N, C-alpha and C. Protein backbone atom coordinates (compact mmCIF):
# COMPACT_ATOMS: atom_id res chain seq x y z
N GLU A 1 162.47 139.52 75.36
CA GLU A 1 162.73 138.09 75.32
C GLU A 1 161.45 137.36 74.93
N ILE A 2 161.58 136.40 74.02
CA ILE A 2 160.44 135.61 73.57
C ILE A 2 160.69 134.15 73.91
N ASN A 3 159.74 133.56 74.62
CA ASN A 3 159.78 132.13 74.91
C ASN A 3 158.54 131.52 74.30
N PHE A 4 158.71 130.36 73.68
CA PHE A 4 157.52 129.68 73.21
C PHE A 4 157.65 128.20 73.51
N SER A 5 156.49 127.58 73.71
CA SER A 5 156.47 126.15 74.02
C SER A 5 155.29 125.50 73.34
N GLY A 6 155.38 124.21 73.17
CA GLY A 6 154.29 123.43 72.60
C GLY A 6 154.20 123.47 71.09
N TYR A 7 155.25 123.94 70.43
CA TYR A 7 155.20 124.02 68.97
C TYR A 7 154.91 122.65 68.36
N GLN A 8 155.36 121.59 69.02
CA GLN A 8 155.12 120.23 68.53
C GLN A 8 153.64 119.85 68.58
N ASN A 9 152.83 120.63 69.28
CA ASN A 9 151.39 120.35 69.38
C ASN A 9 150.60 120.84 68.16
N ILE A 10 151.26 121.51 67.23
CA ILE A 10 150.56 122.01 66.05
C ILE A 10 150.54 120.90 64.99
N PRO A 11 149.36 120.36 64.69
CA PRO A 11 149.28 119.31 63.65
C PRO A 11 149.69 119.86 62.28
N LYS A 12 150.23 119.01 61.47
CA LYS A 12 150.66 119.39 60.13
C LYS A 12 149.63 118.92 59.11
N ASN A 13 149.48 119.67 58.04
CA ASN A 13 148.62 119.31 56.91
C ASN A 13 147.18 119.02 57.30
N LYS A 14 146.63 119.84 58.19
CA LYS A 14 145.24 119.71 58.61
C LYS A 14 144.64 121.10 58.69
N PRO A 15 143.33 121.19 58.51
CA PRO A 15 142.69 122.48 58.77
C PRO A 15 142.71 122.75 60.27
N LEU A 16 143.10 123.95 60.63
CA LEU A 16 143.25 124.29 62.05
C LEU A 16 142.60 125.61 62.37
N ILE A 17 142.09 125.69 63.58
CA ILE A 17 141.72 126.97 64.16
C ILE A 17 142.64 127.16 65.36
N PHE A 18 143.34 128.28 65.39
CA PHE A 18 144.14 128.64 66.55
C PHE A 18 143.25 129.54 67.41
N ALA A 19 142.93 129.08 68.60
CA ALA A 19 142.07 129.83 69.52
C ALA A 19 142.97 130.47 70.57
N ALA A 20 143.07 131.80 70.52
CA ALA A 20 144.02 132.51 71.38
C ALA A 20 143.32 133.52 72.28
N ASN A 21 144.00 133.80 73.39
CA ASN A 21 143.56 134.93 74.23
C ASN A 21 144.04 136.21 73.56
N HIS A 22 143.60 137.36 74.10
CA HIS A 22 143.84 138.61 73.38
C HIS A 22 144.22 139.72 74.35
N ASN A 23 145.54 139.86 74.62
CA ASN A 23 146.05 140.88 75.54
C ASN A 23 146.46 142.17 74.86
N SER A 24 146.94 142.07 73.64
CA SER A 24 147.48 143.23 72.94
C SER A 24 146.87 143.31 71.55
N ALA A 25 146.09 144.35 71.31
CA ALA A 25 145.28 144.44 70.10
C ALA A 25 146.04 144.15 68.81
N PHE A 26 147.21 144.72 68.64
CA PHE A 26 147.95 144.53 67.39
C PHE A 26 148.94 143.36 67.47
N MET A 27 149.70 143.29 68.53
CA MET A 27 150.81 142.34 68.60
C MET A 27 150.37 140.88 68.66
N ASP A 28 149.23 140.57 69.24
CA ASP A 28 148.82 139.17 69.37
C ASP A 28 148.79 138.47 68.02
N ALA A 29 148.16 139.08 67.05
CA ALA A 29 148.07 138.46 65.72
C ALA A 29 149.45 138.32 65.09
N VAL A 30 150.28 139.33 65.25
CA VAL A 30 151.62 139.31 64.65
C VAL A 30 152.46 138.18 65.24
N VAL A 31 152.49 138.05 66.57
CA VAL A 31 153.36 137.05 67.18
C VAL A 31 152.91 135.64 66.86
N VAL A 32 151.61 135.41 66.78
CA VAL A 32 151.15 134.06 66.42
C VAL A 32 151.50 133.75 64.97
N ALA A 33 151.28 134.70 64.09
CA ALA A 33 151.55 134.49 62.66
C ALA A 33 153.03 134.20 62.40
N VAL A 34 153.91 134.80 63.17
CA VAL A 34 155.34 134.60 62.99
C VAL A 34 155.74 133.14 63.27
N PHE A 35 155.06 132.50 64.20
CA PHE A 35 155.46 131.16 64.61
C PHE A 35 154.70 130.05 63.89
N ILE A 36 153.77 130.39 63.03
CA ILE A 36 152.96 129.37 62.36
C ILE A 36 153.37 129.31 60.90
N GLU A 37 153.66 128.10 60.44
CA GLU A 37 154.15 127.93 59.06
C GLU A 37 153.09 128.15 57.99
N PRO A 38 151.93 127.50 58.05
CA PRO A 38 151.00 127.70 56.93
C PRO A 38 150.42 129.11 56.94
N GLN A 39 149.94 129.50 55.79
CA GLN A 39 149.29 130.81 55.68
C GLN A 39 148.08 130.83 56.60
N ILE A 40 147.91 131.91 57.30
CA ILE A 40 146.85 131.99 58.29
C ILE A 40 145.91 133.15 57.97
N HIS A 41 144.65 132.97 58.32
CA HIS A 41 143.62 134.00 58.13
C HIS A 41 143.12 134.40 59.51
N PHE A 42 142.85 135.68 59.68
CA PHE A 42 142.51 136.24 60.98
C PHE A 42 141.09 136.76 60.99
N LEU A 43 140.32 136.42 62.00
CA LEU A 43 139.03 137.06 62.20
C LEU A 43 139.28 138.33 63.00
N THR A 44 138.79 139.45 62.49
CA THR A 44 139.06 140.76 63.06
C THR A 44 137.76 141.54 63.17
N ARG A 45 137.64 142.32 64.21
CA ARG A 45 136.40 143.09 64.40
C ARG A 45 136.11 143.95 63.18
N SER A 46 134.86 144.00 62.81
CA SER A 46 134.44 144.60 61.53
C SER A 46 134.65 146.10 61.44
N ASP A 47 134.65 146.80 62.56
CA ASP A 47 134.70 148.26 62.48
C ASP A 47 136.03 148.79 61.93
N VAL A 48 137.07 147.97 61.87
CA VAL A 48 138.33 148.46 61.29
C VAL A 48 138.32 148.39 59.76
N PHE A 49 137.28 147.78 59.17
CA PHE A 49 137.14 147.70 57.72
C PHE A 49 136.24 148.84 57.22
N ASN A 50 136.31 150.01 57.83
CA ASN A 50 135.31 151.05 57.65
C ASN A 50 135.47 151.94 56.42
N THR A 51 136.48 151.71 55.60
CA THR A 51 136.59 152.45 54.33
C THR A 51 136.95 151.44 53.24
N PRO A 52 136.65 151.76 51.99
CA PRO A 52 137.00 150.82 50.91
C PRO A 52 138.49 150.49 50.87
N PHE A 53 139.34 151.49 51.12
CA PHE A 53 140.78 151.23 51.10
C PHE A 53 141.20 150.29 52.23
N LYS A 54 140.72 150.57 53.45
CA LYS A 54 141.05 149.69 54.58
C LYS A 54 140.54 148.28 54.33
N ASN A 55 139.33 148.17 53.81
CA ASN A 55 138.77 146.85 53.50
C ASN A 55 139.67 146.11 52.51
N TRP A 56 140.11 146.81 51.47
CA TRP A 56 140.95 146.19 50.45
C TRP A 56 142.29 145.74 51.03
N ILE A 57 142.96 146.62 51.76
CA ILE A 57 144.29 146.29 52.28
C ILE A 57 144.23 145.21 53.35
N LEU A 58 143.24 145.28 54.23
CA LEU A 58 143.12 144.27 55.29
C LEU A 58 142.78 142.90 54.71
N ARG A 59 141.94 142.89 53.68
CA ARG A 59 141.61 141.62 53.02
C ARG A 59 142.86 141.02 52.37
N LYS A 60 143.70 141.85 51.79
CA LYS A 60 144.95 141.38 51.17
C LYS A 60 145.89 140.77 52.23
N MET A 61 145.74 141.21 53.48
CA MET A 61 146.56 140.69 54.58
C MET A 61 145.89 139.50 55.27
N ASN A 62 144.86 138.93 54.63
CA ASN A 62 144.13 137.76 55.14
C ASN A 62 143.32 138.04 56.41
N LEU A 63 142.88 139.26 56.57
CA LEU A 63 141.98 139.59 57.68
C LEU A 63 140.54 139.50 57.18
N ILE A 64 139.69 138.94 58.01
CA ILE A 64 138.28 138.73 57.68
C ILE A 64 137.45 139.45 58.74
N PRO A 65 136.50 140.31 58.32
CA PRO A 65 135.71 141.02 59.33
C PRO A 65 134.72 140.09 60.02
N ILE A 66 134.62 140.23 61.33
CA ILE A 66 133.59 139.52 62.10
C ILE A 66 132.72 140.60 62.74
N TYR A 67 131.44 140.41 62.67
CA TYR A 67 130.48 141.43 63.12
C TYR A 67 130.02 141.08 64.53
N ARG A 68 130.35 141.96 65.47
CA ARG A 68 129.99 141.75 66.87
C ARG A 68 128.84 142.67 67.24
N LEU A 69 128.12 142.28 68.27
CA LEU A 69 126.97 143.05 68.72
C LEU A 69 127.36 144.49 69.04
N GLN A 70 128.53 144.70 69.66
CA GLN A 70 128.93 146.05 70.04
C GLN A 70 129.20 146.96 68.85
N GLU A 71 129.33 146.38 67.64
CA GLU A 71 129.50 147.20 66.44
C GLU A 71 128.19 147.39 65.68
N GLY A 72 127.09 146.91 66.25
CA GLY A 72 125.78 147.12 65.64
C GLY A 72 125.03 145.84 65.34
N ALA A 73 123.90 145.66 65.98
CA ALA A 73 123.08 144.46 65.78
C ALA A 73 122.59 144.35 64.34
N GLU A 74 122.47 145.48 63.66
CA GLU A 74 121.97 145.46 62.28
C GLU A 74 122.93 144.77 61.31
N ASN A 75 124.18 144.56 61.73
CA ASN A 75 125.17 143.91 60.85
C ASN A 75 125.40 142.44 61.17
N LEU A 76 124.80 141.93 62.23
CA LEU A 76 125.07 140.55 62.64
C LEU A 76 124.75 139.53 61.55
N HIS A 77 123.76 139.82 60.72
CA HIS A 77 123.39 138.88 59.65
C HIS A 77 124.55 138.66 58.66
N LYS A 78 125.48 139.61 58.58
CA LYS A 78 126.62 139.49 57.68
C LYS A 78 127.56 138.36 58.10
N ASN A 79 127.46 137.93 59.34
CA ASN A 79 128.32 136.84 59.80
C ASN A 79 128.04 135.52 59.08
N GLN A 80 126.84 135.36 58.52
CA GLN A 80 126.57 134.13 57.77
C GLN A 80 127.54 134.01 56.59
N GLU A 81 127.82 135.12 55.91
CA GLU A 81 128.80 135.11 54.82
C GLU A 81 130.21 134.87 55.35
N VAL A 82 130.51 135.47 56.51
CA VAL A 82 131.82 135.28 57.13
C VAL A 82 132.02 133.81 57.48
N PHE A 83 131.02 133.21 58.10
CA PHE A 83 131.12 131.80 58.47
C PHE A 83 131.31 130.93 57.22
N ALA A 84 130.57 131.23 56.17
CA ALA A 84 130.71 130.45 54.92
C ALA A 84 132.14 130.57 54.38
N GLU A 85 132.72 131.77 54.48
CA GLU A 85 134.11 131.96 54.05
C GLU A 85 135.06 131.15 54.92
N CYS A 86 134.81 131.12 56.22
CA CYS A 86 135.65 130.32 57.14
C CYS A 86 135.54 128.83 56.80
N TYR A 87 134.33 128.35 56.54
CA TYR A 87 134.14 126.93 56.19
C TYR A 87 134.90 126.60 54.91
N ARG A 88 134.84 127.51 53.94
CA ARG A 88 135.54 127.29 52.68
C ARG A 88 137.05 127.21 52.90
N LEU A 89 137.60 128.16 53.67
CA LEU A 89 139.03 128.18 53.94
C LEU A 89 139.48 126.91 54.66
N LEU A 90 138.72 126.52 55.68
CA LEU A 90 139.07 125.31 56.42
C LEU A 90 138.94 124.07 55.52
N GLY A 91 137.95 124.08 54.64
CA GLY A 91 137.80 122.99 53.67
C GLY A 91 138.97 122.89 52.70
N GLU A 92 139.68 124.00 52.52
CA GLU A 92 140.88 124.04 51.66
C GLU A 92 142.15 123.80 52.48
N ASN A 93 141.99 123.29 53.69
CA ASN A 93 143.14 122.97 54.56
C ASN A 93 143.88 124.21 55.04
N LYS A 94 143.20 125.33 55.12
CA LYS A 94 143.81 126.57 55.58
C LYS A 94 143.63 126.69 57.10
N CYS A 95 144.23 127.71 57.66
CA CYS A 95 144.19 127.92 59.10
C CYS A 95 143.57 129.28 59.42
N LEU A 96 142.85 129.31 60.54
CA LEU A 96 142.26 130.55 61.04
C LEU A 96 142.81 130.82 62.43
N ILE A 97 142.88 132.08 62.79
CA ILE A 97 143.11 132.42 64.19
C ILE A 97 141.91 133.22 64.66
N ILE A 98 141.41 132.80 65.81
CA ILE A 98 140.26 133.47 66.41
C ILE A 98 140.66 133.84 67.84
N PHE A 99 140.43 135.09 68.20
CA PHE A 99 140.65 135.51 69.57
C PHE A 99 139.36 135.24 70.32
N SER A 100 139.33 134.09 70.97
CA SER A 100 138.10 133.48 71.47
C SER A 100 137.44 134.23 72.63
N GLU A 101 138.16 135.16 73.25
CA GLU A 101 137.54 135.97 74.29
C GLU A 101 136.60 137.02 73.67
N GLY A 102 136.80 137.32 72.39
CA GLY A 102 135.95 138.26 71.68
C GLY A 102 136.26 139.72 71.95
N ILE A 103 137.26 139.98 72.77
CA ILE A 103 137.60 141.35 73.11
C ILE A 103 139.06 141.38 73.59
N CYS A 104 139.70 142.52 73.39
CA CYS A 104 141.08 142.68 73.85
C CYS A 104 141.08 143.38 75.20
N ILE A 105 141.56 142.68 76.23
CA ILE A 105 141.65 143.25 77.57
C ILE A 105 143.05 142.96 78.11
N GLN A 106 143.74 143.99 78.56
CA GLN A 106 145.10 143.82 79.05
C GLN A 106 145.09 143.39 80.52
N GLU A 107 144.70 142.15 80.73
CA GLU A 107 144.72 141.56 82.06
C GLU A 107 145.45 140.24 81.98
N LYS A 108 146.03 139.84 83.10
CA LYS A 108 146.79 138.59 83.12
C LYS A 108 145.90 137.42 83.53
N ARG A 109 144.69 137.42 83.03
CA ARG A 109 143.80 136.29 83.26
C ARG A 109 142.93 136.12 82.03
N LEU A 110 142.57 134.88 81.77
CA LEU A 110 141.73 134.57 80.63
C LEU A 110 140.31 135.03 80.90
N GLN A 111 139.73 135.74 79.94
CA GLN A 111 138.33 136.14 80.03
C GLN A 111 137.46 134.94 79.63
N LYS A 112 136.20 134.98 80.00
CA LYS A 112 135.27 133.93 79.61
C LYS A 112 135.20 133.89 78.08
N LEU A 113 135.31 132.70 77.52
CA LEU A 113 135.30 132.57 76.07
C LEU A 113 133.90 132.75 75.51
N LYS A 114 133.83 133.38 74.35
CA LYS A 114 132.59 133.47 73.60
C LYS A 114 132.41 132.14 72.85
N LYS A 115 131.21 131.89 72.37
CA LYS A 115 130.93 130.62 71.69
C LYS A 115 131.20 130.66 70.20
N GLY A 116 131.69 131.78 69.68
CA GLY A 116 131.93 131.91 68.25
C GLY A 116 132.92 130.91 67.70
N THR A 117 133.98 130.63 68.44
CA THR A 117 134.97 129.65 67.98
C THR A 117 134.32 128.30 67.78
N ALA A 118 133.52 127.87 68.76
CA ALA A 118 132.82 126.59 68.67
C ALA A 118 131.83 126.58 67.52
N ARG A 119 131.10 127.66 67.34
CA ARG A 119 130.10 127.72 66.27
C ARG A 119 130.75 127.62 64.89
N ILE A 120 131.87 128.30 64.71
CA ILE A 120 132.57 128.22 63.42
C ILE A 120 133.15 126.82 63.23
N ALA A 121 133.74 126.28 64.27
CA ALA A 121 134.36 124.95 64.16
C ALA A 121 133.30 123.88 63.86
N PHE A 122 132.22 123.87 64.60
CA PHE A 122 131.18 122.87 64.35
C PHE A 122 130.50 123.10 63.00
N GLY A 123 130.31 124.35 62.63
CA GLY A 123 129.72 124.65 61.32
C GLY A 123 130.58 124.13 60.19
N ALA A 124 131.89 124.28 60.32
CA ALA A 124 132.80 123.78 59.29
C ALA A 124 132.73 122.26 59.21
N GLU A 125 132.72 121.60 60.36
CA GLU A 125 132.61 120.13 60.36
C GLU A 125 131.26 119.69 59.79
N LEU A 126 130.20 120.37 60.17
CA LEU A 126 128.87 120.02 59.69
C LEU A 126 128.79 120.17 58.17
N SER A 127 129.48 121.17 57.61
CA SER A 127 129.45 121.40 56.17
C SER A 127 130.11 120.26 55.39
N THR A 128 130.87 119.40 56.08
CA THR A 128 131.52 118.25 55.43
C THR A 128 131.08 116.94 56.06
N SER A 129 129.95 116.95 56.75
CA SER A 129 129.44 115.76 57.44
C SER A 129 130.47 115.17 58.41
N PHE A 130 131.20 116.05 59.08
CA PHE A 130 132.23 115.68 60.05
C PHE A 130 133.37 114.87 59.41
N ASN A 131 133.73 115.20 58.19
CA ASN A 131 134.86 114.55 57.51
C ASN A 131 136.07 115.48 57.37
N LEU A 132 136.02 116.64 58.01
CA LEU A 132 137.08 117.63 57.86
C LEU A 132 138.31 117.32 58.72
N ASP A 133 138.10 116.65 59.84
CA ASP A 133 139.15 116.39 60.82
C ASP A 133 139.76 117.70 61.33
N LEU A 134 138.87 118.67 61.57
CA LEU A 134 139.28 119.96 62.09
C LEU A 134 139.76 119.84 63.52
N GLN A 135 140.84 120.55 63.82
CA GLN A 135 141.36 120.58 65.18
C GLN A 135 141.56 122.04 65.61
N VAL A 136 141.31 122.27 66.87
CA VAL A 136 141.43 123.62 67.42
C VAL A 136 142.61 123.63 68.38
N VAL A 137 143.60 124.46 68.09
CA VAL A 137 144.82 124.54 68.90
C VAL A 137 144.68 125.71 69.88
N PRO A 138 144.61 125.41 71.19
CA PRO A 138 144.56 126.49 72.18
C PRO A 138 145.92 127.21 72.24
N VAL A 139 145.88 128.53 72.23
CA VAL A 139 147.10 129.32 72.25
C VAL A 139 147.05 130.29 73.43
N GLY A 140 148.09 130.27 74.23
CA GLY A 140 148.22 131.23 75.32
C GLY A 140 149.27 132.26 74.97
N ILE A 141 148.88 133.53 75.00
CA ILE A 141 149.80 134.64 74.71
C ILE A 141 149.90 135.46 75.99
N ASN A 142 151.10 135.51 76.55
CA ASN A 142 151.28 136.25 77.81
C ASN A 142 152.49 137.16 77.72
N TYR A 143 152.27 138.40 78.11
CA TYR A 143 153.34 139.40 78.17
C TYR A 143 153.57 139.73 79.64
N ASN A 144 154.81 140.00 80.02
CA ASN A 144 155.01 140.42 81.41
C ASN A 144 154.46 141.84 81.63
N LYS A 145 154.47 142.68 80.57
CA LYS A 145 153.89 144.03 80.64
C LYS A 145 153.19 144.30 79.31
N PRO A 146 151.92 143.89 79.17
CA PRO A 146 151.25 143.96 77.87
C PRO A 146 151.15 145.35 77.25
N SER A 147 151.16 146.40 78.04
CA SER A 147 151.03 147.74 77.47
C SER A 147 152.38 148.36 77.12
N GLN A 148 153.47 147.65 77.38
CA GLN A 148 154.81 148.21 77.17
C GLN A 148 155.47 147.59 75.94
N PHE A 149 156.05 148.43 75.10
CA PHE A 149 156.80 147.95 73.94
C PHE A 149 158.01 147.14 74.43
N ARG A 150 158.33 146.08 73.73
CA ARG A 150 159.44 145.19 74.06
C ARG A 150 159.22 144.43 75.37
N SER A 151 157.99 144.15 75.66
CA SER A 151 157.65 143.34 76.82
C SER A 151 158.08 141.90 76.57
N ASN A 152 158.45 141.18 77.62
CA ASN A 152 158.76 139.77 77.47
C ASN A 152 157.48 139.03 77.08
N LEU A 153 157.63 138.03 76.22
CA LEU A 153 156.49 137.31 75.68
C LEU A 153 156.66 135.81 75.91
N HIS A 154 155.58 135.17 76.32
CA HIS A 154 155.55 133.71 76.36
C HIS A 154 154.37 133.27 75.51
N LEU A 155 154.65 132.46 74.52
CA LEU A 155 153.64 131.94 73.59
C LEU A 155 153.58 130.43 73.77
N ARG A 156 152.38 129.92 74.08
CA ARG A 156 152.23 128.48 74.34
C ARG A 156 151.14 127.89 73.47
N PHE A 157 151.49 126.80 72.77
CA PHE A 157 150.52 126.04 71.99
C PHE A 157 150.19 124.77 72.76
N ALA A 158 148.95 124.60 73.15
CA ALA A 158 148.52 123.41 73.88
C ALA A 158 148.11 122.32 72.88
N PRO A 159 148.00 121.08 73.34
CA PRO A 159 147.53 120.02 72.43
C PRO A 159 146.15 120.36 71.86
N PRO A 160 145.92 120.01 70.60
CA PRO A 160 144.67 120.40 69.94
C PRO A 160 143.44 119.68 70.52
N VAL A 161 142.32 120.37 70.40
CA VAL A 161 141.02 119.80 70.76
C VAL A 161 140.41 119.33 69.44
N LYS A 162 140.07 118.05 69.37
CA LYS A 162 139.53 117.48 68.13
C LYS A 162 138.01 117.54 68.14
N LEU A 163 137.46 118.13 67.10
CA LEU A 163 136.00 118.25 66.98
C LEU A 163 135.33 116.90 66.85
N SER A 164 136.02 115.93 66.28
CA SER A 164 135.43 114.61 66.06
C SER A 164 134.97 113.97 67.38
N ARG A 165 135.60 114.34 68.49
CA ARG A 165 135.20 113.80 69.79
C ARG A 165 133.81 114.25 70.21
N TYR A 166 133.33 115.34 69.61
CA TYR A 166 132.03 115.90 69.98
C TYR A 166 130.94 115.61 68.94
N LYS A 167 131.26 114.82 67.93
CA LYS A 167 130.31 114.57 66.82
C LYS A 167 128.98 114.02 67.33
N GLU A 168 129.04 112.94 68.09
CA GLU A 168 127.82 112.30 68.56
C GLU A 168 127.00 113.23 69.45
N GLN A 169 127.67 113.91 70.36
CA GLN A 169 126.98 114.85 71.25
C GLN A 169 126.36 115.99 70.45
N PHE A 170 127.08 116.48 69.45
CA PHE A 170 126.58 117.58 68.63
C PHE A 170 125.33 117.16 67.86
N GLU A 171 125.35 115.94 67.34
CA GLU A 171 124.19 115.45 66.59
C GLU A 171 122.97 115.28 67.48
N GLN A 172 123.19 115.02 68.77
CA GLN A 172 122.07 114.84 69.70
C GLN A 172 121.58 116.17 70.27
N GLU A 173 122.52 117.03 70.65
CA GLU A 173 122.15 118.31 71.25
C GLU A 173 123.25 119.34 71.02
N GLU A 174 123.05 120.15 70.01
CA GLU A 174 124.07 121.11 69.58
C GLU A 174 124.56 122.01 70.71
N ASN A 175 123.64 122.60 71.45
CA ASN A 175 124.03 123.57 72.48
C ASN A 175 124.91 122.95 73.56
N ARG A 176 124.59 121.72 73.96
CA ARG A 176 125.44 121.07 74.97
C ARG A 176 126.83 120.79 74.43
N ALA A 177 126.92 120.38 73.18
CA ALA A 177 128.22 120.11 72.57
C ALA A 177 129.03 121.39 72.48
N ILE A 178 128.40 122.49 72.08
CA ILE A 178 129.10 123.77 71.98
C ILE A 178 129.59 124.22 73.35
N THR A 179 128.74 124.07 74.37
CA THR A 179 129.13 124.45 75.73
C THR A 179 130.28 123.58 76.24
N ALA A 180 130.19 122.27 76.03
CA ALA A 180 131.24 121.35 76.50
C ALA A 180 132.56 121.62 75.78
N PHE A 181 132.50 121.83 74.48
CA PHE A 181 133.70 122.12 73.71
C PHE A 181 134.34 123.43 74.20
N THR A 182 133.51 124.46 74.38
CA THR A 182 134.02 125.77 74.83
C THR A 182 134.66 125.65 76.20
N ARG A 183 134.07 124.86 77.08
CA ARG A 183 134.64 124.65 78.41
C ARG A 183 136.00 123.96 78.31
N GLU A 184 136.10 122.92 77.47
CA GLU A 184 137.37 122.22 77.30
C GLU A 184 138.43 123.16 76.73
N LEU A 185 138.04 123.96 75.75
CA LEU A 185 138.96 124.90 75.13
C LEU A 185 139.44 125.93 76.17
N GLU A 186 138.53 126.44 76.95
CA GLU A 186 138.86 127.42 77.99
C GLU A 186 139.84 126.82 79.02
N ASP A 187 139.58 125.59 79.43
CA ASP A 187 140.49 124.91 80.37
C ASP A 187 141.89 124.74 79.76
N ALA A 188 141.94 124.36 78.48
CA ALA A 188 143.24 124.17 77.82
C ALA A 188 143.99 125.48 77.67
N MET A 189 143.26 126.56 77.41
CA MET A 189 143.92 127.87 77.26
C MET A 189 144.40 128.40 78.60
N ARG A 190 143.75 128.01 79.67
CA ARG A 190 144.09 128.52 80.99
C ARG A 190 145.29 127.78 81.60
N MET A 191 145.54 126.54 81.22
CA MET A 191 146.61 125.74 81.84
C MET A 191 147.97 126.38 81.64
N GLU A 192 148.76 126.31 82.64
CA GLU A 192 150.13 126.85 82.57
C GLU A 192 151.10 125.77 82.18
C-alpha cells in the first residue's frame, strides 16, 4: 500500500531540490521519481560509477556522482565540478533530489542532516545573485518494513523552504545561514 501526502506543496515551474531521508538504497529514488512530474536528477554516491559502462548508463538515467569522504578524501575536489553541474541544472529550472542524511540507514528515525544540501542550494543561489528563487522541498519516505519487498510506504512532501529567506543572513555570515537552514530543513523533514 502506498500513501502520499503534501503533493500540493510541490511548487510548479521553479528550480527545486527535493531533500529526502534515505531508508532504502534503491527504492527511495524510484518512489520519489514516480510522484514528481518534472525530470529529476539524482545525486548518488560516487563509488557506483566505478566502470566506464556504469558511468555511462547511470549518467543517462540522470544520476550524478557525489564524492563523499568515506569513498576517499583524494576525490573530494571533484565535487566542485559536481556542484557546478547542479548549479547549471537548477539554473535551467530542473530539479534535484538529494538524500540529505548522506547515508542509507534502515531506521525509523531521521539521521542528522549533512550540510551538503544547504551548500548546493546556497551555491546555486549565489551563482545567480539570489535571483534563482530556489526552493527546497522536504520529503519524508517511510516504510513500515524497509528491508522487506512490498512494504507499505508513506511519502510526504512538506511545504518548501525558500532560500530567499536566508539571503541577508548568508551575506553576513555563511556558516550561520547554512546551519540555520539545515536545522529548519531537518525540522520539516521530521514533522509527522
